Amino acid sequence: MASKTLIKNDGQLARPLKVLVPLIKEEIHAGDEAGLEHYRKAGEMLLEAKGQVPHGEFMTWATRICDRSQATVNNWMALARKTRAGAHFKTLSHSRGDTRPPGRAPEWLPEMKDRIDRLKLEKLSKPVTDEASREKLKRKLALDIIDIGYRALSTKLHPDKGGSREAMATLNDARDDLKGAVSDW
């Protein structure tokens, strides 16, 4: 791929791809370890690199060098653009990995409310007479609680949401261990 000389928005020369690629990868690794600020920096460098990649090939190139999804790459660049546009970084990251405006419900909330409604809370509030039914109900409720908690935590720990692969792997292991323990009851 031929390298082009480009001028960034601030009037300075863009760094060549052979310089940007290792820096982008370094910021992504740091982001996996420490969070959103490094992803924003990676987004800045991706924006800097964009004009140097042939038209129509950038996203394929970016997802390959970042080893992340197109949505993740787009999120990082959007974060960098918002910060460039003057949005204060603290308002963009009021919680780790969450760039929603304050007060807007998380995407998973309606799904979790529906899931909780399906638990048949009225059934839980009635006394259970036999021990087998009580154990079955406890097992089902424990599995539902695990699923609800997993879904809520994964919205913070997933790499696409500002978390890291390691954090998500730990969450997956914990969920599997808990479900295994419940199944062994």
C-alpha atoms as a PDB file:
ATOM      1  CA  MET A   1       0.000   0.000   0.000  1.00  0.00           C
ATOM      2  CA  ALA A   2       1.490   3.304  -1.071  1.00  0.00           C
ATOM      3  CA  SER A   3       2.095   5.858   1.641  1.00  0.00           C
ATOM      4  CA  LYS A   4       0.789   9.408   1.146  1.00  0.00           C
ATOM      5  CA  THR A   5       1.946  12.608   2.801  1.00  0.00           C
ATOM      6  CA  LEU A   6      -1.011  14.121   4.605  1.00  0.00           C
ATOM      7  CA  ILE A   7      -1.718  17.130   6.723  1.00  0.00           C
ATOM      8  CA  LYS A   8      -3.684  16.633   9.952  1.00  0.00           C
ATOM      9  CA  ASN A   9      -6.494  18.991  11.050  1.00  0.00           C
ATOM     10  CA  ASP A  10      -4.019  20.940  13.183  1.00  0.00           C
ATOM     11  CA  GLY A  11      -1.854  21.669  10.128  1.00  0.00           C
ATOM     12  CA  GLN A  12       0.959  19.287  11.064  1.00  0.00           C
ATOM     13  CA  LEU A  13       2.195  16.391   8.956  1.00  0.00           C
ATOM     14  CA  ALA A  14       0.596  13.050   9.731  1.00  0.00           C
ATOM     15  CA  ARG A  15       3.022  10.377  10.872  1.00  0.00           C
ATOM     16  CA  PRO A  16       3.570   7.539   8.381  1.00  0.00           C
ATOM     17  CA  LEU A  17       1.707   4.263   8.853  1.00  0.00           C
ATOM     18  CA  LYS A  18       4.889   2.372   9.771  1.00  0.00           C
ATOM     19  CA  VAL A  19       5.203   4.733  12.753  1.00  0.00           C
ATOM     20  CA  LEU A  20       1.481   4.834  13.610  1.00  0.00           C
ATOM     21  CA  VAL A  21       0.732   1.083  13.559  1.00  0.00           C
ATOM     22  CA  PRO A  22       2.984   0.117  16.515  1.00  0.00           C
ATOM     23  CA  LEU A  23       1.799   3.183  18.443  1.00  0.00           C
ATOM     24  CA  ILE A  24      -1.858   2.278  17.843  1.00  0.00           C
ATOM     25  CA  LYS A  25      -1.218  -1.304  18.992  1.00  0.00           C
ATOM     26  CA  GLU A  26       0.584  -0.007  22.092  1.00  0.00           C
ATOM     27  CA  GLU A  27      -2.387   2.214  23.026  1.00  0.00           C
ATOM     28  CA  ILE A  28      -4.832  -0.663  22.483  1.00  0.00           C
ATOM     29  CA  HIS A  29      -2.778  -2.894  24.763  1.00  0.00           C
ATOM     30  CA  ALA A  30      -2.599  -0.117  27.353  1.00  0.00           C
ATOM     31  CA  GLY A  31      -6.364   0.365  26.967  1.00  0.00           C
ATOM     32  CA  ASP A  32      -6.956  -3.322  27.628  1.00  0.00           C
ATOM     33  CA  GLU A  33      -5.030  -2.860  30.845  1.00  0.00           C
ATOM     34  CA  ALA A  34      -6.097   0.634  31.927  1.00  0.00           C
ATOM     35  CA  GLY A  35      -9.145   1.772  29.967  1.00  0.00           C
ATOM     36  CA  LEU A  36     -10.823   4.437  27.964  1.00  0.00           C
ATOM     37  CA  GLU A  37      -8.171   7.162  27.743  1.00  0.00           C
ATOM     38  CA  HIS A  38      -5.852   4.822  25.832  1.00  0.00           C
ATOM     39  CA  TYR A  39      -8.663   3.816  23.487  1.00  0.00           C
ATOM     40  CA  ARG A  40      -9.263   7.527  22.815  1.00  0.00           C
ATOM     41  CA  LYS A  41      -5.577   7.943  21.974  1.00  0.00           C
ATOM     42  CA  ALA A  42      -5.760   4.924  19.649  1.00  0.00           C
ATOM     43  CA  GLY A  43      -8.808   6.568  18.028  1.00  0.00           C
ATOM     44  CA  GLU A  44      -6.784   9.762  17.494  1.00  0.00           C
ATOM     45  CA  MET A  45      -4.029   7.827  15.753  1.00  0.00           C
ATOM     46  CA  LEU A  46      -6.535   5.844  13.684  1.00  0.00           C
ATOM     47  CA  LEU A  47      -7.995   9.148  12.470  1.00  0.00           C
ATOM     48  CA  GLU A  48      -4.473  10.281  11.647  1.00  0.00           C
ATOM     49  CA  ALA A  49      -3.840   7.069   9.686  1.00  0.00           C
ATOM     50  CA  LYS A  50      -7.173   7.082   7.842  1.00  0.00           C
ATOM     51  CA  GLY A  51      -6.095   9.415   5.050  1.00  0.00           C
ATOM     52  CA  GLN A  52      -3.022   7.309   4.332  1.00  0.00           C
ATOM     53  CA  VAL A  53      -4.910   4.115   3.582  1.00  0.00           C
ATOM     54  CA  PRO A  54      -6.441   3.769   0.097  1.00  0.00           C
ATOM     55  CA  HIS A  55     -10.083   4.830  -0.141  1.00  0.00           C
ATOM     56  CA  GLY A  56     -12.467   2.018   0.779  1.00  0.00           C
ATOM     57  CA  GLU A  57      -9.794  -0.070   2.519  1.00  0.00           C
ATOM     58  CA  PHE A  58      -9.445   1.728   5.830  1.00  0.00           C
ATOM     59  CA  MET A  59     -11.880  -0.288   7.945  1.00  0.00           C
ATOM     60  CA  THR A  60     -10.471  -3.614   6.746  1.00  0.00           C
ATOM     61  CA  TRP A  61      -6.974  -2.328   7.487  1.00  0.00           C
ATOM     62  CA  ALA A  62      -7.952  -0.899  10.897  1.00  0.00           C
ATOM     63  CA  THR A  63      -9.796  -4.007  12.115  1.00  0.00           C
ATOM     64  CA  ARG A  64      -6.851  -6.145  11.027  1.00  0.00           C
ATOM     65  CA  ILE A  65      -4.152  -4.095  12.772  1.00  0.00           C
ATOM     66  CA  CYS A  66      -6.294  -3.486  15.882  1.00  0.00           C
ATOM     67  CA  ASP A  67      -7.617  -7.058  16.067  1.00  0.00           C
ATOM     68  CA  ARG A  68     -11.015  -5.618  17.051  1.00  0.00           C
ATOM     69  CA  SER A  69     -14.441  -5.299  15.456  1.00  0.00           C
ATOM     70  CA  GLN A  70     -15.449  -2.506  13.118  1.00  0.00           C
ATOM     71  CA  ALA A  71     -17.840  -1.199  15.786  1.00  0.00           C
ATOM     72  CA  THR A  72     -15.008  -0.979  18.324  1.00  0.00           C
ATOM     73  CA  VAL A  73     -12.724   0.869  15.913  1.00  0.00           C
ATOM     74  CA  ASN A  74     -15.565   3.266  15.059  1.00  0.00           C
ATOM     75  CA  ASN A  75     -16.261   3.833  18.775  1.00  0.00           C
ATOM     76  CA  TRP A  76     -12.636   4.734  19.441  1.00  0.00           C
ATOM     77  CA  MET A  77     -12.557   7.183  16.538  1.00  0.00           C
ATOM     78  CA  ALA A  78     -15.893   8.714  17.605  1.00  0.00           C
ATOM     79  CA  LEU A  79     -14.536   9.188  21.111  1.00  0.00           C
ATOM     80  CA  ALA A  80     -11.478  10.934  19.669  1.00  0.00           C
ATOM     81  CA  ARG A  81     -13.670  13.158  17.472  1.00  0.00           C
ATOM     82  CA  LYS A  82     -15.903  14.130  20.404  1.00  0.00           C
ATOM     83  CA  THR A  83     -12.885  15.014  22.482  1.00  0.00           C
ATOM     84  CA  ARG A  84     -11.436  17.039  19.585  1.00  0.00           C
ATOM     85  CA  ALA A  85     -14.742  18.866  19.226  1.00  0.00           C
ATOM     86  CA  GLY A  86     -14.357  20.209  22.740  1.00  0.00           C
ATOM     87  CA  ALA A  87     -16.417  17.765  24.779  1.00  0.00           C
ATOM     88  CA  HIS A  88     -14.794  17.368  28.174  1.00  0.00           C
ATOM     89  CA  PHE A  89     -13.406  13.865  28.536  1.00  0.00           C
ATOM     90  CA  LYS A  90     -14.947  13.383  32.002  1.00  0.00           C
ATOM     91  CA  THR A  91     -18.448  13.860  30.552  1.00  0.00           C
ATOM     92  CA  LEU A  92     -17.696  11.236  27.920  1.00  0.00           C
ATOM     93  CA  SER A  93     -16.556   8.687  30.465  1.00  0.00           C
ATOM     94  CA  HIS A  94     -18.836   9.178  33.456  1.00  0.00           C
ATOM     95  CA  SER A  95     -18.409   5.462  33.949  1.00  0.00           C
ATOM     96  CA  ARG A  96     -15.688   3.319  32.442  1.00  0.00           C
ATOM     97  CA  GLY A  97     -16.480   2.443  28.867  1.00  0.00           C
ATOM     98  CA  ASP A  98     -19.812   4.244  28.878  1.00  0.00           C
ATOM     99  CA  THR A  99     -20.140   7.186  26.511  1.00  0.00           C
ATOM    100  CA  ARG A 100     -23.907   7.614  26.888  1.00  0.00           C
ATOM    101  CA  PRO A 101     -25.099  11.023  28.007  1.00  0.00           C
ATOM    102  CA  PRO A 102     -25.736  11.085  31.768  1.00  0.00           C
ATOM    103  CA  GLY A 103     -29.291  10.022  32.574  1.00  0.00           C
ATOM    104  CA  ARG A 104     -29.780   7.782  29.515  1.00  0.00           C
ATOM    105  CA  ALA A 105     -30.617   4.206  30.442  1.00  0.00           C
ATOM    106  CA  PRO A 106     -28.129   1.518  29.437  1.00  0.00           C
ATOM    107  CA  GLU A 107     -29.082  -0.541  26.370  1.00  0.00           C
ATOM    108  CA  TRP A 108     -29.422  -3.719  28.426  1.00  0.00           C
ATOM    109  CA  LEU A 109     -31.869  -2.260  30.964  1.00  0.00           C
ATOM    110  CA  PRO A 110     -35.137  -2.983  29.090  1.00  0.00           C
ATOM    111  CA  GLU A 111     -33.980  -6.536  28.398  1.00  0.00           C
ATOM    112  CA  MET A 112     -33.165  -7.038  32.091  1.00  0.00           C
ATOM    113  CA  LYS A 113     -36.525  -5.601  33.174  1.00  0.00           C
ATOM    114  CA  ASP A 114     -38.288  -8.037  30.851  1.00  0.00           C
ATOM    115  CA  ARG A 115     -36.195 -10.890  32.195  1.00  0.00           C
ATOM    116  CA  ILE A 116     -37.032  -9.949  35.782  1.00  0.00           C
ATOM    117  CA  ASP A 117     -40.733  -9.694  34.901  1.00  0.00           C
ATOM    118  CA  ARG A 118     -40.561 -13.202  33.434  1.00  0.00           C
ATOM    119  CA  LEU A 119     -39.299 -14.528  36.776  1.00  0.00           C
ATOM    120  CA  LYS A 120     -42.942 -14.613  37.832  1.00  0.00           C
ATOM    121  CA  LEU A 121     -42.375 -12.703  41.038  1.00  0.00           C
ATOM    122  CA  GLU A 122     -45.857 -13.539  42.250  1.00  0.00           C
ATOM    123  CA  LYS A 123     -44.875 -17.216  42.112  1.00  0.00           C
ATOM    124  CA  LEU A 124     -41.834 -16.460  44.281  1.00  0.00           C
ATOM    125  CA  SER A 125     -43.897 -14.685  46.915  1.00  0.00           C
ATOM    126  CA  LYS A 126     -46.224 -17.652  47.471  1.00  0.00           C
ATOM    127  CA  PRO A 127     -45.205 -20.248  50.034  1.00  0.00           C
ATOM    128  CA  VAL A 128     -43.894 -23.528  48.617  1.00  0.00           C
ATOM    129  CA  THR A 129     -45.076 -26.573  50.497  1.00  0.00           C
ATOM    130  CA  ASP A 130     -42.795 -29.360  49.329  1.00  0.00           C
ATOM    131  CA  GLU A 131     -39.014 -29.292  49.521  1.00  0.00           C
ATOM    132  CA  ALA A 132     -38.456 -30.528  45.932  1.00  0.00           C
ATOM    133  CA  SER A 133     -40.454 -27.618  44.482  1.00  0.00           C
ATOM    134  CA  ARG A 134     -38.604 -25.204  46.732  1.00  0.00           C
ATOM    135  CA  GLU A 135     -35.197 -26.501  45.577  1.00  0.00           C
ATOM    136  CA  LYS A 136     -36.269 -26.354  41.919  1.00  0.00           C
ATOM    137  CA  LEU A 137     -37.458 -22.773  42.377  1.00  0.00           C
ATOM    138  CA  LYS A 138     -34.212 -21.790  44.139  1.00  0.00           C
ATOM    139  CA  ARG A 139     -32.124 -23.328  41.351  1.00  0.00           C
ATOM    140  CA  LYS A 140     -34.078 -21.500  38.628  1.00  0.00           C
ATOM    141  CA  LEU A 141     -33.910 -18.218  40.522  1.00  0.00           C
ATOM    142  CA  ALA A 142     -30.154 -18.607  41.120  1.00  0.00           C
ATOM    143  CA  LEU A 143     -29.549 -19.239  37.401  1.00  0.00           C
ATOM    144  CA  ASP A 144     -31.633 -16.186  36.480  1.00  0.00           C
ATOM    145  CA  ILE A 145     -29.737 -14.015  38.964  1.00  0.00           C
ATOM    146  CA  ILE A 146     -26.429 -15.230  37.509  1.00  0.00           C
ATOM    147  CA  ASP A 147     -27.603 -14.415  33.960  1.00  0.00           C
ATOM    148  CA  ILE A 148     -28.866 -10.955  34.925  1.00  0.00           C
ATOM    149  CA  GLY A 149     -25.683 -10.098  36.809  1.00  0.00           C
ATOM    150  CA  TYR A 150     -23.512 -11.435  34.001  1.00  0.00           C
ATOM    151  CA  ARG A 151     -25.325  -9.331  31.413  1.00  0.00           C
ATOM    152  CA  ALA A 152     -25.072  -6.172  33.525  1.00  0.00           C
ATOM    153  CA  LEU A 153     -21.352  -6.673  34.239  1.00  0.00           C
ATOM    154  CA  SER A 154     -20.510  -7.609  30.658  1.00  0.00           C
ATOM    155  CA  THR A 155     -21.709  -4.172  29.525  1.00  0.00           C
ATOM    156  CA  LYS A 156     -18.830  -2.714  31.537  1.00  0.00           C
ATOM    157  CA  LEU A 157     -16.160  -5.410  31.191  1.00  0.00           C
ATOM    158  CA  HIS A 158     -16.442  -6.291  27.478  1.00  0.00           C
ATOM    159  CA  PRO A 159     -13.510  -4.956  25.399  1.00  0.00           C
ATOM    160  CA  ASP A 160     -15.946  -3.200  23.037  1.00  0.00           C
ATOM    161  CA  LYS A 161     -17.392  -1.308  26.003  1.00  0.00           C
ATOM    162  CA  GLY A 162     -14.138  -0.120  27.566  1.00  0.00           C
ATOM    163  CA  GLY A 163     -13.210  -3.254  29.484  1.00  0.00           C
ATOM    164  CA  SER A 164     -10.566  -5.788  28.568  1.00  0.00           C
ATOM    165  CA  ARG A 165     -10.343  -9.320  27.208  1.00  0.00           C
ATOM    166  CA  GLU A 166      -8.872 -10.464  30.514  1.00  0.00           C
ATOM    167  CA  ALA A 167     -11.730  -8.947  32.532  1.00  0.00           C
ATOM    168  CA  MET A 168     -14.286 -10.556  30.233  1.00  0.00           C
ATOM    169  CA  ALA A 169     -12.543 -13.934  30.456  1.00  0.00           C
ATOM    170  CA  THR A 170     -12.617 -13.702  34.257  1.00  0.00           C
ATOM    171  CA  LEU A 171     -16.324 -12.818  34.168  1.00  0.00           C
ATOM    172  CA  ASN A 172     -17.043 -15.763  31.849  1.00  0.00           C
ATOM    173  CA  ASP A 173     -15.136 -18.123  34.168  1.00  0.00           C
ATOM    174  CA  ALA A 174     -17.011 -16.806  37.215  1.00  0.00           C
ATOM    175  CA  ARG A 175     -20.380 -17.242  35.480  1.00  0.00           C
ATOM    176  CA  ASP A 176     -19.503 -20.794  34.445  1.00  0.00           C
ATOM    177  CA  ASP A 177     -18.307 -21.654  37.970  1.00  0.00           C
ATOM    178  CA  LEU A 178     -21.484 -20.248  39.519  1.00  0.00           C
ATOM    179  CA  LYS A 179     -23.757 -22.066  37.087  1.00  0.00           C
ATOM    180  CA  GLY A 180     -21.827 -25.265  37.723  1.00  0.00           C
ATOM    181  CA  ALA A 181     -22.257 -24.843  41.483  1.00  0.00           C
ATOM    182  CA  VAL A 182     -25.998 -24.261  41.084  1.00  0.00           C
ATOM    183  CA  SER A 183     -26.337 -27.319  38.847  1.00  0.00           C
ATOM    184  CA  ASP A 184     -24.602 -29.433  41.521  1.00  0.00           C
ATOM    185  CA  TRP A 185     -27.230 -28.570  44.152  1.00  0.00           C
END
